Amino acid sequence: MSVRWSSENMLQTLLWFLALGLSAVPLWILWRAGKKATSLDFRIMQNDASLLEEDGITIHQMTGLPLNSQITPNANVIVVPAQANGARDEE
């Protein structure tokens, strides 16, 4: 028994492959987002300092700051060593 390929059969086959390909795109996007979230969680647990300068990552809240830390919104993070009496030199 041989299968006869008519233009209708070929069109249906082509449409099925197109549907499978278009279904794979959202699945790939979801997989990539899950992998990125898992990686981000791991980097946060490891206290990865490179997250502060990485493009595409916005920090809204910082926890675990030292006592007497001042938070300035929309500023670059700079670590300054504390002096013995806790005061800073005025320049």
Protein backbone atom coordinates (compact mmCIF):
# COMPACT_ATOMS: atom_id res chain seq x y z
CA MET A 1 0.00 0.00 0.00
CA SER A 2 1.48 3.27 -1.03
CA VAL A 3 0.63 6.69 0.28
CA ARG A 4 -0.25 9.17 -2.36
CA TRP A 5 0.91 12.70 -1.55
CA SER A 6 -1.57 15.22 -2.78
CA SER A 7 -1.14 18.94 -2.35
CA GLU A 8 -3.71 18.81 0.46
CA ASN A 9 -1.70 16.17 2.37
CA MET A 10 1.51 18.14 1.89
CA LEU A 11 -0.16 21.32 3.15
CA GLN A 12 -1.50 19.53 6.24
CA THR A 13 1.94 18.09 6.97
CA LEU A 14 3.54 21.49 6.55
CA LEU A 15 0.97 23.08 8.86
CA TRP A 16 1.60 20.39 11.51
CA PHE A 17 5.34 21.06 11.42
CA LEU A 18 4.65 24.79 11.63
CA ALA A 19 2.36 24.26 14.64
CA LEU A 20 4.98 22.12 16.40
CA GLY A 21 7.67 24.70 15.73
CA LEU A 22 5.52 27.56 17.01
CA SER A 23 4.66 25.55 20.12
CA ALA A 24 8.33 24.99 20.83
CA VAL A 25 9.07 28.74 21.00
CA PRO A 26 6.97 29.49 24.13
CA LEU A 27 8.26 26.31 25.78
CA TRP A 28 11.84 27.42 25.14
CA ILE A 29 11.08 30.90 26.55
CA LEU A 30 9.60 29.37 29.72
CA TRP A 31 12.55 26.99 30.12
CA ARG A 32 15.03 29.85 29.69
CA ALA A 33 13.21 32.05 32.24
CA GLY A 34 13.15 29.20 34.77
CA LYS A 35 16.86 28.54 34.26
CA LYS A 36 17.65 32.25 34.69
CA ALA A 37 15.57 32.46 37.90
CA THR A 38 17.28 29.39 39.33
CA SER A 39 20.69 30.83 38.50
CA LEU A 40 19.75 34.17 40.07
CA ASP A 41 18.55 32.48 43.27
CA PHE A 42 21.82 30.54 43.48
CA ARG A 43 23.91 33.68 42.93
CA ILE A 44 21.96 35.56 45.62
CA MET A 45 22.52 32.69 48.09
CA GLN A 46 26.25 32.81 47.28
CA ASN A 47 26.35 36.62 47.86
CA ASP A 48 27.68 37.18 44.35
CA ALA A 49 28.92 40.80 44.33
CA SER A 50 28.86 40.94 40.51
CA LEU A 51 25.05 41.16 40.67
CA LEU A 52 25.42 44.82 41.71
CA GLU A 53 26.91 45.80 38.34
CA GLU A 54 25.11 43.36 36.05
CA ASP A 55 22.93 44.70 33.24
CA GLY A 56 19.30 43.64 33.36
CA ILE A 57 19.18 43.27 37.15
CA THR A 58 17.61 46.03 39.23
CA ILE A 59 18.06 46.00 43.00
CA HIS A 60 15.00 47.28 44.86
CA GLN A 61 15.91 46.28 48.39
CA MET A 62 19.16 45.50 50.15
CA THR A 63 19.12 43.38 53.27
CA GLY A 64 21.94 42.48 55.62
CA LEU A 65 23.53 45.92 55.60
CA PRO A 66 25.96 46.92 58.34
CA LEU A 67 24.74 49.12 61.20
CA ASN A 68 24.52 52.86 60.48
CA SER A 69 24.42 52.27 56.71
CA GLN A 70 22.90 55.03 54.65
CA ILE A 71 20.83 54.08 51.62
CA THR A 72 20.76 56.52 48.72
CA PRO A 73 18.27 55.57 45.98
CA ASN A 74 19.58 55.47 42.39
CA ALA A 75 23.23 55.68 43.42
CA ASN A 76 26.21 53.48 42.67
CA VAL A 77 27.11 51.16 45.53
CA ILE A 78 30.51 51.95 47.05
CA VAL A 79 31.94 50.05 49.99
CA VAL A 80 33.85 52.37 52.34
CA PRO A 81 35.88 50.92 55.21
CA ALA A 82 34.64 52.05 58.63
CA GLN A 83 36.92 54.12 60.85
CA ALA A 84 37.57 53.24 64.50
CA ASN A 85 35.21 55.88 65.94
CA GLY A 86 32.58 55.43 63.24
CA ALA A 87 32.96 58.99 61.89
CA ARG A 88 33.85 59.84 58.32
CA ASP A 89 36.35 62.45 57.22
CA GLU A 90 34.71 65.48 55.64
CA GLU A 91 36.29 66.54 52.37
